[in-house]
Amino acid sequence: MAPDSTESVAPVRKSITVRASQADAFHIFTTDMDSWWPRSHHIGKSPMKRVIIEEKAGGRCYSEQEDNTECDWGSVLTWDPPRQFVFAWQITPQWQFEPDLAKSSEVEVTFTALDDGGTTRVDLEHRHFERHGAGAAAMRLGVNSPNGWGDLLSLYAAWTEKT
């Protein structure tokens, strides 16, 4: 049975340790997201040219498409470099843009410097799937499956090794 909007759905949690300072890890994940984010992961109507995170609370998360359109997919809720980045996941279970924040899940990414200062633990929590209504379980399954957050964090970690 699909959860309704009042039934809680367990968050997806992923963690990875990267060889980068806390500040660099934050910068690569956010400002430099376009360098590691796969071109296949977008909801635009034409192929994606680049992904952009506006660096402020209230900023847009969007992609520029090859047909010169822009496609919103999120909103920055918390911008706290180099410690935390939280954004609304404004994507429906049908992989379309959801303009209503009340119907959007949220992703929190925290960056914790480890003792040596040259490595950082990155913890990602995708939560509030119940806001997606009847598609909550499908959305959780999608972001927790192969090609979901685990693989994306691996791509991110690999990119940090190159910089």
C-alpha atoms as a PDB file:
ATOM      1  CA  MET A   1       0.000   0.000   0.000  1.00  0.00           C
ATOM      2  CA  ALA A   2       1.414   3.405  -0.968  1.00  0.00           C
ATOM      3  CA  PRO A   3       1.907   5.857   1.874  1.00  0.00           C
ATOM      4  CA  ASP A   4      -0.368   8.858   2.080  1.00  0.00           C
ATOM      5  CA  SER A   5       0.858  12.349   2.940  1.00  0.00           C
ATOM      6  CA  THR A   6       0.644  11.703   6.699  1.00  0.00           C
ATOM      7  CA  GLU A   7       2.607   8.436   6.752  1.00  0.00           C
ATOM      8  CA  SER A   8       6.336   8.775   7.361  1.00  0.00           C
ATOM      9  CA  VAL A   9       8.753   7.184   4.902  1.00  0.00           C
ATOM     10  CA  ALA A  10      12.267   6.313   6.079  1.00  0.00           C
ATOM     11  CA  PRO A  11      14.974   8.665   4.838  1.00  0.00           C
ATOM     12  CA  VAL A  12      17.779   7.551   2.552  1.00  0.00           C
ATOM     13  CA  ARG A  13      21.165   8.042   4.223  1.00  0.00           C
ATOM     14  CA  LYS A  14      24.534   7.772   2.499  1.00  0.00           C
ATOM     15  CA  SER A  15      28.030   8.670   3.688  1.00  0.00           C
ATOM     16  CA  ILE A  16      31.405   8.851   2.022  1.00  0.00           C
ATOM     17  CA  THR A  17      34.842  10.081   3.030  1.00  0.00           C
ATOM     18  CA  VAL A  18      36.724  12.203   0.510  1.00  0.00           C
ATOM     19  CA  ARG A  19      40.335  13.319   0.363  1.00  0.00           C
ATOM     20  CA  ALA A  20      39.634  17.033   0.460  1.00  0.00           C
ATOM     21  CA  SER A  21      39.462  19.723   3.098  1.00  0.00           C
ATOM     22  CA  GLN A  22      36.019  20.559   4.451  1.00  0.00           C
ATOM     23  CA  ALA A  23      35.953  23.788   2.421  1.00  0.00           C
ATOM     24  CA  ASP A  24      37.043  22.049  -0.785  1.00  0.00           C
ATOM     25  CA  ALA A  25      34.580  19.178  -0.258  1.00  0.00           C
ATOM     26  CA  PHE A  26      31.722  21.670   0.148  1.00  0.00           C
ATOM     27  CA  HIS A  27      32.813  23.711  -2.876  1.00  0.00           C
ATOM     28  CA  ILE A  28      33.146  20.672  -5.151  1.00  0.00           C
ATOM     29  CA  PHE A  29      29.751  19.313  -4.096  1.00  0.00           C
ATOM     30  CA  THR A  30      27.909  22.616  -4.588  1.00  0.00           C
ATOM     31  CA  THR A  31      29.592  25.319  -6.660  1.00  0.00           C
ATOM     32  CA  ASP A  32      31.451  22.777  -8.793  1.00  0.00           C
ATOM     33  CA  MET A  33      28.584  20.246  -9.045  1.00  0.00           C
ATOM     34  CA  ASP A  34      28.606  20.556 -12.819  1.00  0.00           C
ATOM     35  CA  SER A  35      32.065  18.958 -12.949  1.00  0.00           C
ATOM     36  CA  TRP A  36      30.928  15.615 -11.500  1.00  0.00           C
ATOM     37  CA  TRP A  37      27.141  15.414 -11.980  1.00  0.00           C
ATOM     38  CA  PRO A  38      26.257  12.948 -14.794  1.00  0.00           C
ATOM     39  CA  ARG A  39      24.624  14.450 -17.883  1.00  0.00           C
ATOM     40  CA  SER A  40      22.068  11.631 -17.834  1.00  0.00           C
ATOM     41  CA  HIS A  41      20.581  12.823 -14.511  1.00  0.00           C
ATOM     42  CA  HIS A  42      18.210  15.667 -15.333  1.00  0.00           C
ATOM     43  CA  ILE A  43      14.528  16.322 -15.921  1.00  0.00           C
ATOM     44  CA  GLY A  44      14.846  18.841 -18.753  1.00  0.00           C
ATOM     45  CA  LYS A  45      13.206  18.318 -22.120  1.00  0.00           C
ATOM     46  CA  SER A  46      16.492  18.363 -24.063  1.00  0.00           C
ATOM     47  CA  PRO A  47      20.006  17.139 -23.166  1.00  0.00           C
ATOM     48  CA  MET A  48      21.611  18.897 -20.215  1.00  0.00           C
ATOM     49  CA  LYS A  49      24.474  21.347 -20.788  1.00  0.00           C
ATOM     50  CA  ARG A  50      25.255  22.109 -17.153  1.00  0.00           C
ATOM     51  CA  VAL A  51      23.910  22.033 -13.601  1.00  0.00           C
ATOM     52  CA  ILE A  52      23.902  25.149 -11.407  1.00  0.00           C
ATOM     53  CA  ILE A  53      23.427  25.759  -7.686  1.00  0.00           C
ATOM     54  CA  GLU A  54      22.857  29.391  -6.706  1.00  0.00           C
ATOM     55  CA  GLU A  55      25.030  29.922  -3.645  1.00  0.00           C
ATOM     56  CA  LYS A  56      22.519  31.351  -1.146  1.00  0.00           C
ATOM     57  CA  ALA A  57      19.477  30.386   0.869  1.00  0.00           C
ATOM     58  CA  GLY A  58      16.540  30.808  -1.506  1.00  0.00           C
ATOM     59  CA  GLY A  59      18.777  30.153  -4.520  1.00  0.00           C
ATOM     60  CA  ARG A  60      17.744  27.950  -7.410  1.00  0.00           C
ATOM     61  CA  CYS A  61      19.023  24.488  -8.271  1.00  0.00           C
ATOM     62  CA  TYR A  62      18.602  24.118 -12.018  1.00  0.00           C
ATOM     63  CA  SER A  63      20.092  22.900 -15.241  1.00  0.00           C
ATOM     64  CA  GLU A  64      20.697  24.600 -18.541  1.00  0.00           C
ATOM     65  CA  GLN A  65      19.600  22.483 -21.480  1.00  0.00           C
ATOM     66  CA  GLU A  66      21.016  22.243 -25.002  1.00  0.00           C
ATOM     67  CA  ASP A  67      17.860  23.907 -26.366  1.00  0.00           C
ATOM     68  CA  ASN A  68      18.800  27.007 -24.273  1.00  0.00           C
ATOM     69  CA  THR A  69      16.025  26.456 -21.733  1.00  0.00           C
ATOM     70  CA  GLU A  70      16.488  26.248 -17.976  1.00  0.00           C
ATOM     71  CA  CYS A  71      14.957  23.511 -15.855  1.00  0.00           C
ATOM     72  CA  ASP A  72      14.490  24.052 -12.125  1.00  0.00           C
ATOM     73  CA  TRP A  73      14.770  20.965  -9.920  1.00  0.00           C
ATOM     74  CA  GLY A  74      15.315  22.393  -6.442  1.00  0.00           C
ATOM     75  CA  SER A  75      15.665  25.339  -4.091  1.00  0.00           C
ATOM     76  CA  VAL A  76      18.459  26.020  -1.619  1.00  0.00           C
ATOM     77  CA  LEU A  77      16.996  25.919   1.895  1.00  0.00           C
ATOM     78  CA  THR A  78      20.241  26.229   3.892  1.00  0.00           C
ATOM     79  CA  TRP A  79      23.555  27.560   2.633  1.00  0.00           C
ATOM     80  CA  ASP A  80      26.154  27.254   5.393  1.00  0.00           C
ATOM     81  CA  PRO A  81      29.613  26.791   3.860  1.00  0.00           C
ATOM     82  CA  PRO A  82      31.634  24.747   4.540  1.00  0.00           C
ATOM     83  CA  ARG A  83      29.412  22.765   6.914  1.00  0.00           C
ATOM     84  CA  GLN A  84      25.955  22.231   5.465  1.00  0.00           C
ATOM     85  CA  PHE A  85      23.873  22.459   2.322  1.00  0.00           C
ATOM     86  CA  VAL A  86      20.138  21.661   2.338  1.00  0.00           C
ATOM     87  CA  PHE A  87      17.907  21.818  -0.715  1.00  0.00           C
ATOM     88  CA  ALA A  88      14.321  21.053  -1.600  1.00  0.00           C
ATOM     89  CA  TRP A  89      14.081  18.129  -4.039  1.00  0.00           C
ATOM     90  CA  GLN A  90      11.409  19.623  -6.295  1.00  0.00           C
ATOM     91  CA  ILE A  91      11.035  16.584  -8.497  1.00  0.00           C
ATOM     92  CA  THR A  92       7.838  14.564  -8.660  1.00  0.00           C
ATOM     93  CA  PRO A  93       7.740  10.747  -8.702  1.00  0.00           C
ATOM     94  CA  GLN A  94       7.075  11.160 -12.461  1.00  0.00           C
ATOM     95  CA  TRP A  95      10.430  13.005 -12.736  1.00  0.00           C
ATOM     96  CA  GLN A  96       8.903  16.413 -13.447  1.00  0.00           C
ATOM     97  CA  PHE A  97       9.416  19.758 -11.682  1.00  0.00           C
ATOM     98  CA  GLU A  98       7.295  20.294  -8.544  1.00  0.00           C
ATOM     99  CA  PRO A  99       6.849  24.031  -7.847  1.00  0.00           C
ATOM    100  CA  ASP A 100       5.179  23.469  -4.455  1.00  0.00           C
ATOM    101  CA  LEU A 101       7.764  23.145  -1.662  1.00  0.00           C
ATOM    102  CA  ALA A 102       5.134  21.469   0.534  1.00  0.00           C
ATOM    103  CA  LYS A 103       5.102  18.573  -1.970  1.00  0.00           C
ATOM    104  CA  SER A 104       8.894  18.308  -2.196  1.00  0.00           C
ATOM    105  CA  SER A 105      11.285  16.145  -0.216  1.00  0.00           C
ATOM    106  CA  GLU A 106      14.556  17.571   1.028  1.00  0.00           C
ATOM    107  CA  VAL A 107      18.223  16.672   0.874  1.00  0.00           C
ATOM    108  CA  GLU A 108      20.697  17.638   3.590  1.00  0.00           C
ATOM    109  CA  VAL A 109      24.411  17.294   2.958  1.00  0.00           C
ATOM    110  CA  THR A 110      26.826  17.858   5.849  1.00  0.00           C
ATOM    111  CA  PHE A 111      30.596  18.120   5.612  1.00  0.00           C
ATOM    112  CA  THR A 112      32.651  17.131   8.671  1.00  0.00           C
ATOM    113  CA  ALA A 113      36.407  17.706   8.703  1.00  0.00           C
ATOM    114  CA  LEU A 114      38.257  14.682  10.036  1.00  0.00           C
ATOM    115  CA  ASP A 115      41.215  14.882  12.394  1.00  0.00           C
ATOM    116  CA  ASP A 116      43.902  15.185   9.751  1.00  0.00           C
ATOM    117  CA  GLY A 117      42.211  18.152   8.039  1.00  0.00           C
ATOM    118  CA  GLY A 118      42.842  16.622   4.610  1.00  0.00           C
ATOM    119  CA  THR A 119      39.776  14.373   4.575  1.00  0.00           C
ATOM    120  CA  THR A 120      36.113  15.112   5.057  1.00  0.00           C
ATOM    121  CA  ARG A 121      33.145  12.885   5.826  1.00  0.00           C
ATOM    122  CA  VAL A 122      30.168  13.771   3.662  1.00  0.00           C
ATOM    123  CA  ASP A 123      26.784  12.665   5.009  1.00  0.00           C
ATOM    124  CA  LEU A 124      23.714  12.895   2.801  1.00  0.00           C
ATOM    125  CA  GLU A 125      20.166  12.447   4.051  1.00  0.00           C
ATOM    126  CA  HIS A 126      17.218  12.557   1.640  1.00  0.00           C
ATOM    127  CA  ARG A 127      14.072  12.870   3.761  1.00  0.00           C
ATOM    128  CA  HIS A 128      10.385  13.794   3.868  1.00  0.00           C
ATOM    129  CA  PHE A 129       9.433  11.491   1.006  1.00  0.00           C
ATOM    130  CA  GLU A 130       5.873  11.451   2.377  1.00  0.00           C
ATOM    131  CA  ARG A 131       5.466  14.953   0.910  1.00  0.00           C
ATOM    132  CA  HIS A 132       5.397  13.293  -2.532  1.00  0.00           C
ATOM    133  CA  GLY A 133       2.048  11.708  -1.649  1.00  0.00           C
ATOM    134  CA  ALA A 134       1.182   8.422  -3.361  1.00  0.00           C
ATOM    135  CA  GLY A 135       4.541   8.359  -5.158  1.00  0.00           C
ATOM    136  CA  ALA A 136       6.629   8.542  -1.960  1.00  0.00           C
ATOM    137  CA  ALA A 137       7.790   4.918  -1.947  1.00  0.00           C
ATOM    138  CA  ALA A 138       8.677   5.029  -5.655  1.00  0.00           C
ATOM    139  CA  MET A 139      10.704   8.216  -5.189  1.00  0.00           C
ATOM    140  CA  ARG A 140      12.591   6.729  -2.230  1.00  0.00           C
ATOM    141  CA  LEU A 141      13.280   3.567  -4.223  1.00  0.00           C
ATOM    142  CA  GLY A 142      14.549   5.620  -7.171  1.00  0.00           C
ATOM    143  CA  VAL A 143      17.056   7.706  -5.228  1.00  0.00           C
ATOM    144  CA  ASN A 144      18.217   4.672  -3.215  1.00  0.00           C
ATOM    145  CA  SER A 145      18.717   2.377  -6.244  1.00  0.00           C
ATOM    146  CA  PRO A 146      21.709   1.957  -8.578  1.00  0.00           C
ATOM    147  CA  ASN A 147      22.256   5.327 -10.253  1.00  0.00           C
ATOM    148  CA  GLY A 148      20.862   6.986  -7.105  1.00  0.00           C
ATOM    149  CA  TRP A 149      22.637   8.824  -4.304  1.00  0.00           C
ATOM    150  CA  GLY A 150      25.207   6.082  -3.645  1.00  0.00           C
ATOM    151  CA  ASP A 151      26.525   6.162  -7.209  1.00  0.00           C
ATOM    152  CA  LEU A 152      26.350   9.960  -7.309  1.00  0.00           C
ATOM    153  CA  LEU A 153      28.470  10.208  -4.161  1.00  0.00           C
ATOM    154  CA  SER A 154      30.995   7.829  -5.748  1.00  0.00           C
ATOM    155  CA  LEU A 155      31.219  10.098  -8.811  1.00  0.00           C
ATOM    156  CA  TYR A 156      31.648  13.091  -6.511  1.00  0.00           C
ATOM    157  CA  ALA A 157      34.399  11.339  -4.519  1.00  0.00           C
ATOM    158  CA  ALA A 158      36.207  10.341  -7.716  1.00  0.00           C
ATOM    159  CA  TRP A 159      36.146  13.951  -8.892  1.00  0.00           C
ATOM    160  CA  THR A 160      37.603  15.174  -5.579  1.00  0.00           C
ATOM    161  CA  GLU A 161      40.560  12.849  -6.238  1.00  0.00           C
ATOM    162  CA  LYS A 162      41.258  14.674  -9.517  1.00  0.00           C
ATOM    163  CA  THR A 163      41.260  18.192  -8.070  1.00  0.00           C
END
